[in-house]
Protein backbone atom coordinates (compact mmCIF):
# COMPACT_ATOMS: atom_id res chain seq x y z
CA UNK A 1 -37.85 -96.70 224.99
CA UNK A 2 -38.19 -100.47 224.74
CA UNK A 3 -37.00 -101.40 228.80
CA UNK A 4 -37.23 -99.16 231.57
CA UNK A 5 -36.26 -101.11 234.94
CA UNK A 6 -35.66 -99.51 238.16
CA UNK A 7 -35.28 -101.32 241.47
CA UNK A 8 -34.87 -100.32 244.62
CA UNK A 9 -33.31 -101.21 247.98
CA UNK A 10 -32.95 -98.72 250.97
CA UNK A 11 -31.19 -95.42 249.74
CA UNK A 12 -30.21 -97.19 245.94
CA UNK A 13 -31.39 -97.59 242.63
CA UNK A 14 -30.66 -99.87 240.13
CA UNK A 15 -31.90 -99.02 235.66
CA UNK A 16 -31.99 -100.92 233.24
CA UNK A 17 -32.56 -99.20 229.76
CA UNK A 18 -32.84 -99.88 226.23
CA UNK A 19 -33.50 -97.05 224.41
CA UNK A 20 -34.12 -97.55 220.35
CA UNK A 21 -32.55 -94.76 217.99
CA UNK A 22 -32.46 -94.12 214.83
CA UNK A 23 -28.32 -96.33 214.67
CA UNK A 24 -29.70 -98.44 216.63
CA UNK A 25 -29.86 -99.25 220.19
CA UNK A 26 -28.47 -97.76 223.47
CA UNK A 27 -28.03 -100.43 226.57
CA UNK A 28 -27.40 -98.53 229.50
CA UNK A 29 -27.08 -99.91 233.69
CA UNK A 30 -27.16 -96.95 236.32
CA UNK A 31 -26.31 -97.59 240.12
CA UNK A 32 -27.12 -94.70 242.46
CA UNK A 33 -27.74 -92.75 239.25
CA UNK A 34 -24.31 -92.74 238.08
CA UNK A 35 -24.13 -95.41 234.45
CA UNK A 36 -21.64 -98.06 235.41
CA UNK A 37 -22.63 -99.18 231.47
CA UNK A 38 -23.38 -98.13 228.22
CA UNK A 39 -22.58 -99.27 225.30
CA UNK A 40 -24.37 -99.34 221.61
CA UNK A 41 -25.26 -102.08 219.14
CA UNK A 42 -27.21 -101.52 215.65
CA UNK A 43 -27.59 -104.97 215.43
CA UNK A 44 -30.82 -106.58 217.68
CA UNK A 45 -29.35 -110.33 217.81
CA UNK A 46 -26.49 -108.43 219.47
CA UNK A 47 -29.45 -106.54 222.10
CA UNK A 48 -31.23 -109.56 222.92
CA UNK A 49 -28.35 -110.90 225.14
CA UNK A 50 -28.27 -107.71 226.95
CA UNK A 51 -31.93 -108.07 228.16
CA UNK A 52 -31.59 -111.50 228.93
CA UNK A 53 -28.54 -110.47 231.62
CA UNK A 54 -30.48 -107.14 232.81
CA UNK A 55 -33.95 -109.97 233.19
CA UNK A 56 -31.65 -111.60 235.66
CA UNK A 57 -29.69 -109.17 237.62
CA UNK A 58 -33.18 -108.31 237.68
CA UNK A 59 -34.11 -111.32 239.43
CA UNK A 60 -31.54 -111.63 241.96
CA UNK A 61 -32.06 -108.00 242.89
CA UNK A 62 -35.53 -109.18 243.79
CA UNK A 63 -34.57 -111.86 245.84
CA UNK A 64 -32.88 -110.35 248.18
CA UNK A 65 -35.56 -107.93 248.43
CA UNK A 66 -34.98 -104.62 245.81
CA UNK A 67 -38.50 -103.55 244.90
CA UNK A 68 -39.18 -102.73 241.21
CA UNK A 69 -40.23 -99.12 241.20
């Protein structure tokens, strides 16, 4: 697994996951155990913006009081 971040706020959880597999990369965003976005990428250059978006969203959540778990 390349990226695995989980942030919590009360009973809510946001997860940001990037996994490498034989065919490329799986990019997953989940809210409260529901997958809200899942895409497969074969090219690393297309994964990098996804990671940047995850980092930006995680930082915004932390500024709002969410805690990294």
